Amino acid sequence: MSQALKETGRPILYSLCNWGEDYPWNWASTIANSWRMSGDIYDSFDRPDARCPCTSYDCALPGFHCSMMNILNKDAHIVSKAQPGGWNDLDNLEVGNGGMTDSEYVLHMSMWLVSPASSHLQKT
């Protein structure tokens, strides 16, 4: 898929999603612009959930239902893997869905914006 997109000759953002399995931050930059580095986020600031069993980035089973802080804590260890044109995807913003306080949503939005993942918002 990566090669087919390159052959179009058009600038296309290619986002790879395998939910952090197989440690994509170590290899995905060779084929994609972004790569999911964790299980799916849910609208929680830091509430633990058994469906998101990993608290470390070095985990074979990323799970799902991961809190915002769980994902940020994982990303902190691999943020250096981001580079121009490639970054760790922190999943969706949950702002306004009702599971966090206003202050937690402000922090969620702020941390997402300062992460390299927000660089895809820049006009090219």
PDB file of N, CA and C in Angstrom:
ATOM      1  N   MET A   1       0.831  -1.189   0.000  1.00  0.00           N
ATOM      2  CA  MET A   1       0.000   0.000   0.000  1.00  0.00           C
ATOM      3  C   MET A   1       0.874   1.251   0.000  1.00  0.00           C
ATOM      4  N   SER A   2       1.910   1.234   0.811  1.00  0.00           N
ATOM      5  CA  SER A   2       2.809   2.380   0.886  1.00  0.00           C
ATOM      6  C   SER A   2       3.390   2.698  -0.486  1.00  0.00           C
ATOM      7  N   GLN A   3       3.859   1.694  -1.162  1.00  0.00           N
ATOM      8  CA  GLN A   3       4.464   1.887  -2.483  1.00  0.00           C
ATOM      9  C   GLN A   3       3.434   2.398  -3.486  1.00  0.00           C
ATOM     10  N   ALA A   4       2.235   1.865  -3.441  1.00  0.00           N
ATOM     11  CA  ALA A   4       1.182   2.312  -4.355  1.00  0.00           C
ATOM     12  C   ALA A   4       0.855   3.786  -4.130  1.00  0.00           C
ATOM     13  N   LEU A   5       0.826   4.212  -2.885  1.00  0.00           N
ATOM     14  CA  LEU A   5       0.560   5.623  -2.587  1.00  0.00           C
ATOM     15  C   LEU A   5       1.683   6.520  -3.089  1.00  0.00           C
ATOM     16  N   LYS A   6       2.918   6.076  -2.915  1.00  0.00           N
ATOM     17  CA  LYS A   6       4.065   6.854  -3.408  1.00  0.00           C
ATOM     18  C   LYS A   6       4.022   6.993  -4.921  1.00  0.00           C
ATOM     19  N   GLU A   7       3.598   5.950  -5.598  1.00  0.00           N
ATOM     20  CA  GLU A   7       3.573   5.957  -7.063  1.00  0.00           C
ATOM     21  C   GLU A   7       2.512   6.878  -7.648  1.00  0.00           C
ATOM     22  N   THR A   8       1.573   7.353  -6.839  1.00  0.00           N
ATOM     23  CA  THR A   8       0.581   8.304  -7.354  1.00  0.00           C
ATOM     24  C   THR A   8       1.218   9.649  -7.665  1.00  0.00           C
ATOM     25  N   GLY A   9       2.359   9.926  -7.005  1.00  0.00           N
ATOM     26  CA  GLY A   9       3.013  11.212  -7.212  1.00  0.00           C
ATOM     27  C   GLY A   9       2.367  12.358  -6.466  1.00  0.00           C
ATOM     28  N   ARG A  10       1.386  12.057  -5.658  1.00  0.00           N
ATOM     29  CA  ARG A  10       0.672  13.080  -4.887  1.00  0.00           C
ATOM     30  C   ARG A  10       1.019  12.945  -3.416  1.00  0.00           C
ATOM     31  N   PRO A  11       1.033  14.040  -2.675  1.00  0.00           N
ATOM     32  CA  PRO A  11       1.306  13.936  -1.241  1.00  0.00           C
ATOM     33  C   PRO A  11       0.095  13.334  -0.506  1.00  0.00           C
ATOM     34  N   ILE A  12       0.282  12.176   0.062  1.00  0.00           N
ATOM     35  CA  ILE A  12      -0.797  11.482   0.763  1.00  0.00           C
ATOM     36  C   ILE A  12      -0.280  11.043   2.126  1.00  0.00           C
ATOM     37  N   LEU A  13      -1.016  11.344   3.171  1.00  0.00           N
ATOM     38  CA  LEU A  13      -0.651  10.898   4.508  1.00  0.00           C
ATOM     39  C   LEU A  13      -1.079   9.445   4.671  1.00  0.00           C
ATOM     40  N   TYR A  14      -0.143   8.597   4.990  1.00  0.00           N
ATOM     41  CA  TYR A  14      -0.424   7.171   5.179  1.00  0.00           C
ATOM     42  C   TYR A  14      -0.296   6.854   6.658  1.00  0.00           C
ATOM     43  N   SER A  15      -1.397   6.470   7.266  1.00  0.00           N
ATOM     44  CA  SER A  15      -1.451   6.163   8.695  1.00  0.00           C
ATOM     45  C   SER A  15      -1.600   4.657   8.882  1.00  0.00           C
ATOM     46  N   LEU A  16      -0.651   4.068   9.568  1.00  0.00           N
ATOM     47  CA  LEU A  16      -0.642   2.631   9.810  1.00  0.00           C
ATOM     48  C   LEU A  16      -1.248   2.345  11.187  1.00  0.00           C
ATOM     49  N   CYS A  17      -2.127   1.374  11.267  1.00  0.00           N
ATOM     50  CA  CYS A  17      -2.718   1.035  12.562  1.00  0.00           C
ATOM     51  C   CYS A  17      -2.625  -0.457  12.816  1.00  0.00           C
ATOM     52  N   ASN A  18      -1.840  -0.798  13.803  1.00  0.00           N
ATOM     53  CA  ASN A  18      -1.817  -2.166  14.316  1.00  0.00           C
ATOM     54  C   ASN A  18      -1.862  -2.130  15.843  1.00  0.00           C
ATOM     55  N   TRP A  19      -2.302  -1.010  16.372  1.00  0.00           N
ATOM     56  CA  TRP A  19      -2.519  -0.801  17.805  1.00  0.00           C
ATOM     57  C   TRP A  19      -1.260  -1.018  18.635  1.00  0.00           C
ATOM     58  N   GLY A  20      -0.105  -0.750  18.061  1.00  0.00           N
ATOM     59  CA  GLY A  20       1.141  -0.875  18.795  1.00  0.00           C
ATOM     60  C   GLY A  20       1.728  -2.269  18.836  1.00  0.00           C
ATOM     61  N   GLU A  21       1.036  -3.232  18.255  1.00  0.00           N
ATOM     62  CA  GLU A  21       1.597  -4.590  18.223  1.00  0.00           C
ATOM     63  C   GLU A  21       2.804  -4.615  17.299  1.00  0.00           C
ATOM     64  N   ASP A  22       3.771  -5.407  17.612  1.00  0.00           N
ATOM     65  CA  ASP A  22       4.994  -5.548  16.817  1.00  0.00           C
ATOM     66  C   ASP A  22       5.869  -4.295  16.847  1.00  0.00           C
ATOM     67  N   TYR A  23       5.640  -3.421  17.820  1.00  0.00           N
ATOM     68  CA  TYR A  23       6.501  -2.252  18.048  1.00  0.00           C
ATOM     69  C   TYR A  23       6.718  -1.420  16.782  1.00  0.00           C
ATOM     70  N   PRO A  24       5.650  -0.869  16.218  1.00  0.00           N
ATOM     71  CA  PRO A  24       5.775  -0.170  14.936  1.00  0.00           C
ATOM     72  C   PRO A  24       6.689   1.050  14.963  1.00  0.00           C
ATOM     73  N   TRP A  25       6.920   1.639  16.131  1.00  0.00           N
ATOM     74  CA  TRP A  25       7.809   2.804  16.208  1.00  0.00           C
ATOM     75  C   TRP A  25       9.235   2.448  15.792  1.00  0.00           C
ATOM     76  N   ASN A  26       9.551   1.156  15.748  1.00  0.00           N
ATOM     77  CA  ASN A  26      10.892   0.731  15.331  1.00  0.00           C
ATOM     78  C   ASN A  26      11.026   0.527  13.822  1.00  0.00           C
ATOM     79  N   TRP A  27       9.913   0.428  13.090  1.00  0.00           N
ATOM     80  CA  TRP A  27      10.012   0.114  11.665  1.00  0.00           C
ATOM     81  C   TRP A  27       9.023   0.853  10.769  1.00  0.00           C
ATOM     82  N   ALA A  28       7.938   1.358  11.313  1.00  0.00           N
ATOM     83  CA  ALA A  28       6.868   1.909  10.468  1.00  0.00           C
ATOM     84  C   ALA A  28       7.270   3.180   9.724  1.00  0.00           C
ATOM     85  N   SER A  29       8.272   3.885  10.198  1.00  0.00           N
ATOM     86  CA  SER A  29       8.673   5.123   9.511  1.00  0.00           C
ATOM     87  C   SER A  29       9.198   4.848   8.102  1.00  0.00           C
ATOM     88  N   THR A  30       9.530   3.600   7.811  1.00  0.00           N
ATOM     89  CA  THR A  30      10.002   3.263   6.465  1.00  0.00           C
ATOM     90  C   THR A  30       8.863   3.112   5.466  1.00  0.00           C
ATOM     91  N   ILE A  31       7.613   3.010   5.973  1.00  0.00           N
ATOM     92  CA  ILE A  31       6.489   2.807   5.054  1.00  0.00           C
ATOM     93  C   ILE A  31       5.304   3.724   5.303  1.00  0.00           C
ATOM     94  N   ALA A  32       5.266   4.424   6.441  1.00  0.00           N
ATOM     95  CA  ALA A  32       4.081   5.220   6.780  1.00  0.00           C
ATOM     96  C   ALA A  32       4.478   6.562   7.390  1.00  0.00           C
ATOM     97  N   ASN A  33       3.492   7.469   7.448  1.00  0.00           N
ATOM     98  CA  ASN A  33       3.704   8.761   8.088  1.00  0.00           C
ATOM     99  C   ASN A  33       3.366   8.739   9.567  1.00  0.00           C
ATOM    100  N   SER A  34       2.471   7.866   9.960  1.00  0.00           N
ATOM    101  CA  SER A  34       2.127   7.738  11.379  1.00  0.00           C
ATOM    102  C   SER A  34       1.792   6.291  11.680  1.00  0.00           C
ATOM    103  N   TRP A  35       1.907   5.950  12.944  1.00  0.00           N
ATOM    104  CA  TRP A  35       1.662   4.579  13.372  1.00  0.00           C
ATOM    105  C   TRP A  35       1.077   4.612  14.774  1.00  0.00           C
ATOM    106  N   ARG A  36       0.022   3.838  14.966  1.00  0.00           N
ATOM    107  CA  ARG A  36      -0.576   3.727  16.297  1.00  0.00           C
ATOM    108  C   ARG A  36       0.417   3.051  17.225  1.00  0.00           C
ATOM    109  N   MET A  37       0.538   3.596  18.418  1.00  0.00           N
ATOM    110  CA  MET A  37       1.530   3.083  19.352  1.00  0.00           C
ATOM    111  C   MET A  37       0.893   2.504  20.614  1.00  0.00           C
ATOM    112  N   SER A  38      -0.420   2.361  20.613  1.00  0.00           N
ATOM    113  CA  SER A  38      -1.093   1.819  21.795  1.00  0.00           C
ATOM    114  C   SER A  38      -2.441   1.244  21.400  1.00  0.00           C
ATOM    115  N   GLY A  39      -3.083   0.651  22.386  1.00  0.00           N
ATOM    116  CA  GLY A  39      -4.456   0.219  22.198  1.00  0.00           C
ATOM    117  C   GLY A  39      -5.379   1.422  22.084  1.00  0.00           C
ATOM    118  N   ASP A  40      -6.640   1.173  21.763  1.00  0.00           N
ATOM    119  CA  ASP A  40      -7.615   2.252  21.592  1.00  0.00           C
ATOM    120  C   ASP A  40      -7.821   3.037  22.876  1.00  0.00           C
ATOM    121  N   ILE A  41      -7.953   4.356  22.704  1.00  0.00           N
ATOM    122  CA  ILE A  41      -8.234   5.235  23.827  1.00  0.00           C
ATOM    123  C   ILE A  41      -9.722   5.165  24.188  1.00  0.00           C
ATOM    124  N   TYR A  42     -10.038   5.463  25.440  1.00  0.00           N
ATOM    125  CA  TYR A  42     -11.430   5.698  25.810  1.00  0.00           C
ATOM    126  C   TYR A  42     -11.469   6.931  26.680  1.00  0.00           C
ATOM    127  N   ASP A  43     -12.639   7.460  26.900  1.00  0.00           N
ATOM    128  CA  ASP A  43     -12.828   8.754  27.540  1.00  0.00           C
ATOM    129  C   ASP A  43     -12.600   8.673  29.048  1.00  0.00           C
ATOM    130  N   SER A  44     -11.333   8.523  29.411  1.00  0.00           N
ATOM    131  CA  SER A  44     -10.936   8.451  30.815  1.00  0.00           C
ATOM    132  C   SER A  44      -9.574   9.106  30.956  1.00  0.00           C
ATOM    133  N   PHE A  45      -9.387   9.861  32.027  1.00  0.00           N
ATOM    134  CA  PHE A  45      -8.106  10.523  32.256  1.00  0.00           C
ATOM    135  C   PHE A  45      -7.038   9.521  32.682  1.00  0.00           C
ATOM    136  N   ASP A  46      -7.310   8.770  33.755  1.00  0.00           N
ATOM    137  CA  ASP A  46      -6.298   7.820  34.221  1.00  0.00           C
ATOM    138  C   ASP A  46      -6.884   6.603  34.925  1.00  0.00           C
ATOM    139  N   ARG A  47      -8.136   6.312  34.646  1.00  0.00           N
ATOM    140  CA  ARG A  47      -8.797   5.168  35.274  1.00  0.00           C
ATOM    141  C   ARG A  47      -8.264   3.865  34.686  1.00  0.00           C
ATOM    142  N   PRO A  48      -7.680   2.992  35.496  1.00  0.00           N
ATOM    143  CA  PRO A  48      -7.188   1.705  34.979  1.00  0.00           C
ATOM    144  C   PRO A  48      -8.347   0.848  34.452  1.00  0.00           C
ATOM    145  N   ASP A  49      -8.046   0.047  33.450  1.00  0.00           N
ATOM    146  CA  ASP A  49      -9.042  -0.843  32.879  1.00  0.00           C
ATOM    147  C   ASP A  49      -8.333  -2.137  32.495  1.00  0.00           C
ATOM    148  N   ALA A  50      -8.878  -3.274  32.902  1.00  0.00           N
ATOM    149  CA  ALA A  50      -8.251  -4.575  32.650  1.00  0.00           C
ATOM    150  C   ALA A  50      -8.106  -4.867  31.158  1.00  0.00           C
ATOM    151  N   ARG A  51      -8.924  -4.216  30.331  1.00  0.00           N
ATOM    152  CA  ARG A  51      -8.835  -4.447  28.884  1.00  0.00           C
ATOM    153  C   ARG A  51      -7.615  -3.765  28.265  1.00  0.00           C
ATOM    154  N   CYS A  52      -6.956  -2.922  29.033  1.00  0.00           N
ATOM    155  CA  CYS A  52      -5.714  -2.265  28.614  1.00  0.00           C
ATOM    156  C   CYS A  52      -4.641  -2.688  29.617  1.00  0.00           C
ATOM    157  N   PRO A  53      -4.132  -3.904  29.479  1.00  0.00           N
ATOM    158  CA  PRO A  53      -3.287  -4.486  30.513  1.00  0.00           C
ATOM    159  C   PRO A  53      -1.886  -3.903  30.621  1.00  0.00           C
ATOM    160  N   CYS A  54      -1.417  -3.220  29.606  1.00  0.00           N
ATOM    161  CA  CYS A  54      -0.029  -2.757  29.607  1.00  0.00           C
ATOM    162  C   CYS A  54       0.097  -1.355  30.173  1.00  0.00           C
ATOM    163  N   THR A  55       1.103  -1.160  30.973  1.00  0.00           N
ATOM    164  CA  THR A  55       1.418   0.177  31.461  1.00  0.00           C
ATOM    165  C   THR A  55       2.748   0.646  30.906  1.00  0.00           C
ATOM    166  N   SER A  56       3.401  -0.186  30.131  1.00  0.00           N
ATOM    167  CA  SER A  56       4.689   0.130  29.531  1.00  0.00           C
ATOM    168  C   SER A  56       4.557   0.077  28.010  1.00  0.00           C
ATOM    169  N   TYR A  57       5.378   0.852  27.331  1.00  0.00           N
ATOM    170  CA  TYR A  57       5.374   0.812  25.872  1.00  0.00           C
ATOM    171  C   TYR A  57       5.856  -0.542  25.349  1.00  0.00           C
ATOM    172  N   ASP A  58       6.665  -1.232  26.121  1.00  0.00           N
ATOM    173  CA  ASP A  58       7.265  -2.499  25.712  1.00  0.00           C
ATOM    174  C   ASP A  58       6.321  -3.646  26.075  1.00  0.00           C
ATOM    175  N   CYS A  59       5.245  -3.778  25.313  1.00  0.00           N
ATOM    176  CA  CYS A  59       4.186  -4.713  25.660  1.00  0.00           C
ATOM    177  C   CYS A  59       3.676  -5.419  24.410  1.00  0.00           C
ATOM    178  N   ALA A  60       3.567  -6.714  24.484  1.00  0.00           N
ATOM    179  CA  ALA A  60       3.120  -7.492  23.327  1.00  0.00           C
ATOM    180  C   ALA A  60       1.614  -7.396  23.097  1.00  0.00           C
ATOM    181  N   LEU A  61       0.853  -7.058  24.112  1.00  0.00           N
ATOM    182  CA  LEU A  61      -0.606  -6.996  23.999  1.00  0.00           C
ATOM    183  C   LEU A  61      -1.097  -5.608  24.423  1.00  0.00           C
ATOM    184  N   PRO A  62      -1.156  -4.653  23.482  1.00  0.00           N
ATOM    185  CA  PRO A  62      -1.533  -3.293  23.838  1.00  0.00           C
ATOM    186  C   PRO A  62      -2.945  -3.160  24.407  1.00  0.00           C
ATOM    187  N   GLY A  63      -3.846  -4.073  24.024  1.00  0.00           N
ATOM    188  CA  GLY A  63      -5.211  -4.021  24.546  1.00  0.00           C
ATOM    189  C   GLY A  63      -6.036  -2.910  23.923  1.00  0.00           C
ATOM    190  N   PHE A  64      -7.080  -2.536  24.630  1.00  0.00           N
ATOM    191  CA  PHE A  64      -7.958  -1.448  24.216  1.00  0.00           C
ATOM    192  C   PHE A  64      -8.584  -0.884  25.479  1.00  0.00           C
ATOM    193  N   HIS A  65      -9.331   0.180  25.354  1.00  0.00           N
ATOM    194  CA  HIS A  65      -9.916   0.853  26.503  1.00  0.00           C
ATOM    195  C   HIS A  65      -8.816   1.450  27.373  1.00  0.00           C
ATOM    196  N   CYS A  66      -7.850   2.097  26.727  1.00  0.00           N
ATOM    197  CA  CYS A  66      -6.715   2.687  27.431  1.00  0.00           C
ATOM    198  C   CYS A  66      -7.015   4.143  27.784  1.00  0.00           C
ATOM    199  N   SER A  67      -6.664   4.534  28.982  1.00  0.00           N
ATOM    200  CA  SER A  67      -6.895   5.910  29.412  1.00  0.00           C
ATOM    201  C   SER A  67      -5.911   6.854  28.722  1.00  0.00           C
ATOM    202  N   MET A  68      -6.241   8.127  28.768  1.00  0.00           N
ATOM    203  CA  MET A  68      -5.394   9.136  28.161  1.00  0.00           C
ATOM    204  C   MET A  68      -3.999   9.112  28.780  1.00  0.00           C
ATOM    205  N   MET A  69      -3.882   9.028  30.088  1.00  0.00           N
ATOM    206  CA  MET A  69      -2.573   9.009  30.741  1.00  0.00           C
ATOM    207  C   MET A  69      -1.814   7.726  30.436  1.00  0.00           C
ATOM    208  N   ASN A  70      -2.510   6.615  30.297  1.00  0.00           N
ATOM    209  CA  ASN A  70      -1.856   5.362  29.940  1.00  0.00           C
ATOM    210  C   ASN A  70      -1.128   5.528  28.599  1.00  0.00           C
ATOM    211  N   ILE A  71      -1.811   6.113  27.630  1.00  0.00           N
ATOM    212  CA  ILE A  71      -1.228   6.306  26.302  1.00  0.00           C
ATOM    213  C   ILE A  71      -0.087   7.317  26.345  1.00  0.00           C
ATOM    214  N   LEU A  72      -0.276   8.425  27.058  1.00  0.00           N
ATOM    215  CA  LEU A  72       0.803   9.416  27.149  1.00  0.00           C
ATOM    216  C   LEU A  72       2.034   8.845  27.843  1.00  0.00           C
ATOM    217  N   ASN A  73       1.823   8.056  28.884  1.00  0.00           N
ATOM    218  CA  ASN A  73       2.959   7.453  29.583  1.00  0.00           C
ATOM    219  C   ASN A  73       3.713   6.482  28.689  1.00  0.00           C
ATOM    220  N   LYS A  74       3.001   5.757  27.853  1.00  0.00           N
ATOM    221  CA  LYS A  74       3.669   4.867  26.902  1.00  0.00           C
ATOM    222  C   LYS A  74       4.458   5.678  25.861  1.00  0.00           C
ATOM    223  N   ASP A  75       3.830   6.722  25.364  1.00  0.00           N
ATOM    224  CA  ASP A  75       4.468   7.530  24.321  1.00  0.00           C
ATOM    225  C   ASP A  75       5.722   8.232  24.833  1.00  0.00           C
ATOM    226  N   ALA A  76       5.764   8.574  26.094  1.00  0.00           N
ATOM    227  CA  ALA A  76       6.923   9.286  26.652  1.00  0.00           C
ATOM    228  C   ALA A  76       8.222   8.523  26.432  1.00  0.00           C
ATOM    229  N   HIS A  77       8.147   7.212  26.369  1.00  0.00           N
ATOM    230  CA  HIS A  77       9.342   6.391  26.197  1.00  0.00           C
ATOM    231  C   HIS A  77       9.787   6.255  24.743  1.00  0.00           C
ATOM    232  N   ILE A  78       8.900   6.582  23.820  1.00  0.00           N
ATOM    233  CA  ILE A  78       9.236   6.380  22.402  1.00  0.00           C
ATOM    234  C   ILE A  78       9.069   7.653  21.576  1.00  0.00           C
ATOM    235  N   VAL A  79       8.886   8.779  22.236  1.00  0.00           N
ATOM    236  CA  VAL A  79       8.680  10.034  21.507  1.00  0.00           C
ATOM    237  C   VAL A  79       9.860  10.331  20.585  1.00  0.00           C
ATOM    238  N   SER A  80      11.035   9.852  20.926  1.00  0.00           N
ATOM    239  CA  SER A  80      12.216  10.083  20.085  1.00  0.00           C
ATOM    240  C   SER A  80      12.131   9.347  18.749  1.00  0.00           C
ATOM    241  N   LYS A  81      11.213   8.431  18.607  1.00  0.00           N
ATOM    242  CA  LYS A  81      11.052   7.699  17.345  1.00  0.00           C
ATOM    243  C   LYS A  81      10.375   8.552  16.271  1.00  0.00           C
ATOM    244  N   ALA A  82       9.738   9.637  16.700  1.00  0.00           N
ATOM    245  CA  ALA A  82       9.110  10.540  15.733  1.00  0.00           C
ATOM    246  C   ALA A  82      10.203  11.297  14.984  1.00  0.00           C
ATOM    247  N   GLN A  83       9.894  11.671  13.765  1.00  0.00           N
ATOM    248  CA  GLN A  83      10.847  12.383  12.925  1.00  0.00           C
ATOM    249  C   GLN A  83      10.053  13.206  11.921  1.00  0.00           C
ATOM    250  N   PRO A  84      10.699  14.102  11.202  1.00  0.00           N
ATOM    251  CA  PRO A  84       9.955  14.840  10.184  1.00  0.00           C
ATOM    252  C   PRO A  84       9.277  13.869   9.211  1.00  0.00           C
ATOM    253  N   GLY A  85       7.975  14.009   9.071  1.00  0.00           N
ATOM    254  CA  GLY A  85       7.211  13.144   8.175  1.00  0.00           C
ATOM    255  C   GLY A  85       6.770  11.832   8.780  1.00  0.00           C
ATOM    256  N   GLY A  86       7.046  11.591  10.067  1.00  0.00           N
ATOM    257  CA  GLY A  86       6.636  10.348  10.719  1.00  0.00           C
ATOM    258  C   GLY A  86       6.501  10.518  12.215  1.00  0.00           C
ATOM    259  N   TRP A  87       5.416   9.995  12.791  1.00  0.00           N
ATOM    260  CA  TRP A  87       5.181  10.196  14.215  1.00  0.00           C
ATOM    261  C   TRP A  87       4.313   9.095  14.807  1.00  0.00           C
ATOM    262  N   ASN A  88       4.401   8.989  16.136  1.00  0.00           N
ATOM    263  CA  ASN A  88       3.558   8.072  16.908  1.00  0.00           C
ATOM    264  C   ASN A  88       2.140   8.641  16.952  1.00  0.00           C
ATOM    265  N   ASP A  89       1.158   7.833  16.629  1.00  0.00           N
ATOM    266  CA  ASP A  89      -0.248   8.244  16.640  1.00  0.00           C
ATOM    267  C   ASP A  89      -0.836   7.921  18.010  1.00  0.00           C
ATOM    268  N   LEU A  90      -1.265   8.947  18.719  1.00  0.00           N
ATOM    269  CA  LEU A  90      -1.808   8.791  20.071  1.00  0.00           C
ATOM    270  C   LEU A  90      -3.294   8.459  20.079  1.00  0.00           C
ATOM    271  N   ASP A  91      -3.880   8.178  18.969  1.00  0.00           N
ATOM    272  CA  ASP A  91      -5.303   7.860  18.802  1.00  0.00           C
ATOM    273  C   ASP A  91      -6.125   9.141  18.848  1.00  0.00           C
ATOM    274  N   ASN A  92      -7.418   9.007  18.948  1.00  0.00           N
ATOM    275  CA  ASN A  92      -8.346  10.135  18.839  1.00  0.00           C
ATOM    276  C   ASN A  92      -8.354  11.015  20.078  1.00  0.00           C
ATOM    277  N   LEU A  93      -8.810  12.231  19.878  1.00  0.00           N
ATOM    278  CA  LEU A  93      -9.107  13.106  21.011  1.00  0.00           C
ATOM    279  C   LEU A  93     -10.469  12.718  21.565  1.00  0.00           C
ATOM    280  N   GLU A  94     -10.584  12.730  22.859  1.00  0.00           N
ATOM    281  CA  GLU A  94     -11.849  12.391  23.507  1.00  0.00           C
ATOM    282  C   GLU A  94     -12.532  13.622  24.100  1.00  0.00           C
ATOM    283  N   VAL A  95     -12.030  14.801  23.772  1.00  0.00           N
ATOM    284  CA  VAL A  95     -12.520  16.042  24.365  1.00  0.00           C
ATOM    285  C   VAL A  95     -14.013  16.213  24.150  1.00  0.00           C
ATOM    286  N   GLY A  96     -14.728  16.436  25.252  1.00  0.00           N
ATOM    287  CA  GLY A  96     -16.154  16.722  25.196  1.00  0.00           C
ATOM    288  C   GLY A  96     -17.071  15.524  25.254  1.00  0.00           C
ATOM    289  N   ASN A  97     -16.536  14.329  25.382  1.00  0.00           N
ATOM    290  CA  ASN A  97     -17.389  13.136  25.409  1.00  0.00           C
ATOM    291  C   ASN A  97     -17.970  12.816  26.779  1.00  0.00           C
ATOM    292  N   GLY A  98     -17.549  13.527  27.816  1.00  0.00           N
ATOM    293  CA  GLY A  98     -18.190  13.398  29.121  1.00  0.00           C
ATOM    294  C   GLY A  98     -17.494  12.553  30.158  1.00  0.00           C
ATOM    295  N   GLY A  99     -16.377  11.922  29.840  1.00  0.00           N
ATOM    296  CA  GLY A  99     -15.713  11.041  30.789  1.00  0.00           C
ATOM    297  C   GLY A  99     -14.629  11.692  31.620  1.00  0.00           C
ATOM    298  N   MET A 100     -14.258  12.925  31.295  1.00  0.00           N
ATOM    299  CA  MET A 100     -13.213  13.636  32.028  1.00  0.00           C
ATOM    300  C   MET A 100     -13.740  14.987  32.488  1.00  0.00           C
ATOM    301  N   THR A 101     -13.029  15.575  33.423  1.00  0.00           N
ATOM    302  CA  THR A 101     -13.383  16.926  33.863  1.00  0.00           C
ATOM    303  C   THR A 101     -12.897  17.924  32.818  1.00  0.00           C
ATOM    304  N   ASP A 102     -13.352  19.164  32.926  1.00  0.00           N
ATOM    305  CA  ASP A 102     -12.901  20.192  31.991  1.00  0.00           C
ATOM    306  C   ASP A 102     -11.385  20.356  32.047  1.00  0.00           C
ATOM    307  N   SER A 103     -10.814  20.348  33.242  1.00  0.00           N
ATOM    308  CA  SER A 103      -9.356  20.481  33.389  1.00  0.00           C
ATOM    309  C   SER A 103      -8.629  19.310  32.751  1.00  0.00           C
ATOM    310  N   GLU A 104      -9.163  18.118  32.880  1.00  0.00           N
ATOM    311  CA  GLU A 104      -8.549  16.946  32.262  1.00  0.00           C
ATOM    312  C   GLU A 104      -8.622  17.027  30.742  1.00  0.00           C
ATOM    313  N   TYR A 105      -9.752  17.537  30.229  1.00  0.00           N
ATOM    314  CA  TYR A 105      -9.866  17.715  28.785  1.00  0.00           C
ATOM    315  C   TYR A 105      -8.861  18.747  28.268  1.00  0.00           C
ATOM    316  N   VAL A 106      -8.657  19.831  29.040  1.00  0.00           N
ATOM    317  CA  VAL A 106      -7.671  20.844  28.648  1.00  0.00           C
ATOM    318  C   VAL A 106      -6.289  20.209  28.578  1.00  0.00           C
ATOM    319  N   LEU A 107      -5.943  19.408  29.575  1.00  0.00           N
ATOM    320  CA  LEU A 107      -4.654  18.736  29.571  1.00  0.00           C
ATOM    321  C   LEU A 107      -4.557  17.745  28.413  1.00  0.00           C
ATOM    322  N   HIS A 108      -5.619  17.001  28.185  1.00  0.00           N
ATOM    323  CA  HIS A 108      -5.653  16.034  27.075  1.00  0.00           C
ATOM    324  C   HIS A 108      -5.376  16.753  25.748  1.00  0.00           C
ATOM    325  N   MET A 109      -6.090  17.822  25.483  1.00  0.00           N
ATOM    326  CA  MET A 109      -5.909  18.578  24.243  1.00  0.00           C
ATOM    327  C   MET A 109      -4.506  19.172  24.177  1.00  0.00           C
ATOM    328  N   SER A 110      -4.036  19.713  25.267  1.00  0.00           N
ATOM    329  CA  SER A 110      -2.705  20.335  25.295  1.00  0.00           C
ATOM    330  C   SER A 110      -1.611  19.326  25.016  1.00  0.00           C
ATOM    331  N   MET A 111      -1.663  18.178  25.656  1.00  0.00           N
ATOM    332  CA  MET A 111      -0.636  17.164  25.457  1.00  0.00           C
ATOM    333  C   MET A 111      -0.670  16.616  24.033  1.00  0.00           C
ATOM    334  N   TRP A 112      -1.858  16.481  23.487  1.00  0.00           N
ATOM    335  CA  TRP A 112      -1.963  15.996  22.110  1.00  0.00           C
ATOM    336  C   TRP A 112      -1.355  17.015  21.144  1.00  0.00           C
ATOM    337  N   LEU A 113      -1.603  18.300  21.410  1.00  0.00           N
ATOM    338  CA  LEU A 113      -1.094  19.336  20.510  1.00  0.00           C
ATOM    339  C   LEU A 113       0.420  19.493  20.573  1.00  0.00           C
ATOM    340  N   VAL A 114       1.023  19.225  21.717  1.00  0.00           N
ATOM    341  CA  VAL A 114       2.485  19.355  21.803  1.00  0.00           C
ATOM    342  C   VAL A 114       3.196  18.078  21.369  1.00  0.00           C
ATOM    343  N   SER A 115       2.462  17.026  21.142  1.00  0.00           N
ATOM    344  CA  SER A 115       3.086  15.790  20.679  1.00  0.00           C
ATOM    345  C   SER A 115       3.413  15.922  19.192  1.00  0.00           C
ATOM    346  N   PRO A 116       4.399  15.183  18.723  1.00  0.00           N
ATOM    347  CA  PRO A 116       4.696  15.214  17.291  1.00  0.00           C
ATOM    348  C   PRO A 116       3.513  14.806  16.421  1.00  0.00           C
ATOM    349  N   ALA A 117       2.560  14.058  16.964  1.00  0.00           N
ATOM    350  CA  ALA A 117       1.400  13.613  16.184  1.00  0.00           C
ATOM    351  C   ALA A 117       0.587  14.783  15.658  1.00  0.00           C
ATOM    352  N   SER A 118       0.601  15.904  16.367  1.00  0.00           N
ATOM    353  CA  SER A 118      -0.203  17.037  15.911  1.00  0.00           C
ATOM    354  C   SER A 118       0.415  17.718  14.709  1.00  0.00           C
ATOM    355  N   SER A 119       1.629  17.338  14.321  1.00  0.00           N
ATOM    356  CA  SER A 119       2.276  17.997  13.185  1.00  0.00           C
ATOM    357  C   SER A 119       1.524  17.776  11.881  1.00  0.00           C
ATOM    358  N   HIS A 120       0.667  16.764  11.813  1.00  0.00           N
ATOM    359  CA  HIS A 120      -0.079  16.568  10.568  1.00  0.00           C
ATOM    360  C   HIS A 120      -1.163  17.616  10.381  1.00  0.00           C
ATOM    361  N   LEU A 121      -1.373  18.485  11.363  1.00  0.00           N
ATOM    362  CA  LEU A 121      -2.328  19.566  11.227  1.00  0.00           C
ATOM    363  C   LEU A 121      -1.742  20.760  10.474  1.00  0.00           C
ATOM    364  N   GLN A 122      -0.440  20.796  10.351  1.00  0.00           N
ATOM    365  CA  GLN A 122       0.222  21.920   9.699  1.00  0.00           C
ATOM    366  C   GLN A 122      -0.100  21.933   8.221  1.00  0.00           C
ATOM    367  N   LYS A 123      -0.280  23.134   7.712  1.00  0.00           N
ATOM    368  CA  LYS A 123      -0.542  23.287   6.274  1.00  0.00           C
ATOM    369  C   LYS A 123       0.751  23.055   5.511  1.00  0.00           C
ATOM    370  N   THR A 124       0.665  22.228   4.482  1.00  0.00           N
ATOM    371  CA  THR A 124       1.870  21.948   3.683  1.00  0.00           C
ATOM    372  C   THR A 124       1.866  22.747   2.400  1.00  0.00           C
TER     373      THR A 124
END
